[in-house]
Amino acid sequence: MVEGNDNNNADEELLGDPEPWEAWESRLVGICLLLAIAGLVVLGWLINRFILD
């Protein structure tokens, strides 16, 4: 089934303009994910070094 332009325009109207803090919020999520991955690596190394040795 092919969607018409009317349906796409209606979806865009419902979404509206992006919030002013959207870019900042996206950057914050990315930083948090990087910190979580780095924390897992560091904790894995510490466990391997001091507990499993």
C-alpha atoms as a PDB file:
ATOM      1  CA  MET A   1       0.000   0.000   0.000  1.00  0.00           C
ATOM      2  CA  VAL A   2       1.356   3.438  -0.915  1.00  0.00           C
ATOM      3  CA  GLU A   3       0.990   6.253   1.568  1.00  0.00           C
ATOM      4  CA  GLY A   4      -0.071   9.602   0.199  1.00  0.00           C
ATOM      5  CA  ASN A   5       1.439  12.981   0.929  1.00  0.00           C
ATOM      6  CA  ASP A   6      -1.551  13.876   3.095  1.00  0.00           C
ATOM      7  CA  ASN A   7      -0.605  11.213   5.638  1.00  0.00           C
ATOM      8  CA  ASN A   8       3.041  12.371   5.747  1.00  0.00           C
ATOM      9  CA  ASN A   9       2.005  15.995   6.224  1.00  0.00           C
ATOM     10  CA  ALA A  10      -0.326  15.021   9.054  1.00  0.00           C
ATOM     11  CA  ASP A  11       2.498  13.150  10.806  1.00  0.00           C
ATOM     12  CA  GLU A  12       4.804  16.159  10.533  1.00  0.00           C
ATOM     13  CA  GLU A  13       2.124  18.435  11.962  1.00  0.00           C
ATOM     14  CA  LEU A  14       1.688  16.157  14.967  1.00  0.00           C
ATOM     15  CA  LEU A  15       5.431  16.095  15.651  1.00  0.00           C
ATOM     16  CA  GLY A  16       5.773  19.842  15.511  1.00  0.00           C
ATOM     17  CA  ASP A  17       9.029  21.729  15.870  1.00  0.00           C
ATOM     18  CA  PRO A  18      11.866  20.140  17.832  1.00  0.00           C
ATOM     19  CA  GLU A  19      12.265  21.300  21.403  1.00  0.00           C
ATOM     20  CA  PRO A  20      15.053  23.848  21.949  1.00  0.00           C
ATOM     21  CA  TRP A  21      16.984  21.489  24.216  1.00  0.00           C
ATOM     22  CA  GLU A  22      16.838  18.481  21.859  1.00  0.00           C
ATOM     23  CA  ALA A  23      20.467  18.793  20.656  1.00  0.00           C
ATOM     24  CA  TRP A  24      21.767  19.218  24.217  1.00  0.00           C
ATOM     25  CA  GLU A  25      19.711  16.256  25.414  1.00  0.00           C
ATOM     26  CA  SER A  26      20.964  14.025  22.590  1.00  0.00           C
ATOM     27  CA  ARG A  27      24.569  14.970  23.368  1.00  0.00           C
ATOM     28  CA  LEU A  28      23.976  14.197  27.059  1.00  0.00           C
ATOM     29  CA  VAL A  29      22.658  10.717  26.233  1.00  0.00           C
ATOM     30  CA  GLY A  30      25.691  10.047  24.050  1.00  0.00           C
ATOM     31  CA  ILE A  31      28.089  11.159  26.787  1.00  0.00           C
ATOM     32  CA  CYS A  32      26.303   8.980  29.339  1.00  0.00           C
ATOM     33  CA  LEU A  33      26.552   5.946  27.070  1.00  0.00           C
ATOM     34  CA  LEU A  34      30.279   6.548  26.510  1.00  0.00           C
ATOM     35  CA  LEU A  35      30.844   6.911  30.266  1.00  0.00           C
ATOM     36  CA  ALA A  36      28.940   3.689  30.919  1.00  0.00           C
ATOM     37  CA  ILE A  37      31.029   1.765  28.393  1.00  0.00           C
ATOM     38  CA  ALA A  38      34.253   3.240  29.781  1.00  0.00           C
ATOM     39  CA  GLY A  39      33.132   2.301  33.312  1.00  0.00           C
ATOM     40  CA  LEU A  40      32.490  -1.270  32.264  1.00  0.00           C
ATOM     41  CA  VAL A  41      35.948  -1.514  30.708  1.00  0.00           C
ATOM     42  CA  VAL A  42      37.673  -0.065  33.786  1.00  0.00           C
ATOM     43  CA  LEU A  43      35.705  -2.211  36.229  1.00  0.00           C
ATOM     44  CA  GLY A  44      36.334  -5.311  34.121  1.00  0.00           C
ATOM     45  CA  TRP A  45      40.055  -4.587  34.149  1.00  0.00           C
ATOM     46  CA  LEU A  46      40.048  -3.983  37.926  1.00  0.00           C
ATOM     47  CA  ILE A  47      38.200  -7.234  38.606  1.00  0.00           C
ATOM     48  CA  ASN A  48      40.518  -9.128  36.322  1.00  0.00           C
ATOM     49  CA  ARG A  49      43.607  -7.554  37.914  1.00  0.00           C
ATOM     50  CA  PHE A  50      42.764  -7.755  41.636  1.00  0.00           C
ATOM     51  CA  ILE A  51      40.092 -10.416  42.138  1.00  0.00           C
ATOM     52  CA  LEU A  52      40.749 -13.065  39.500  1.00  0.00           C
ATOM     53  CA  ASP A  53      44.542 -12.937  39.833  1.00  0.00           C
END
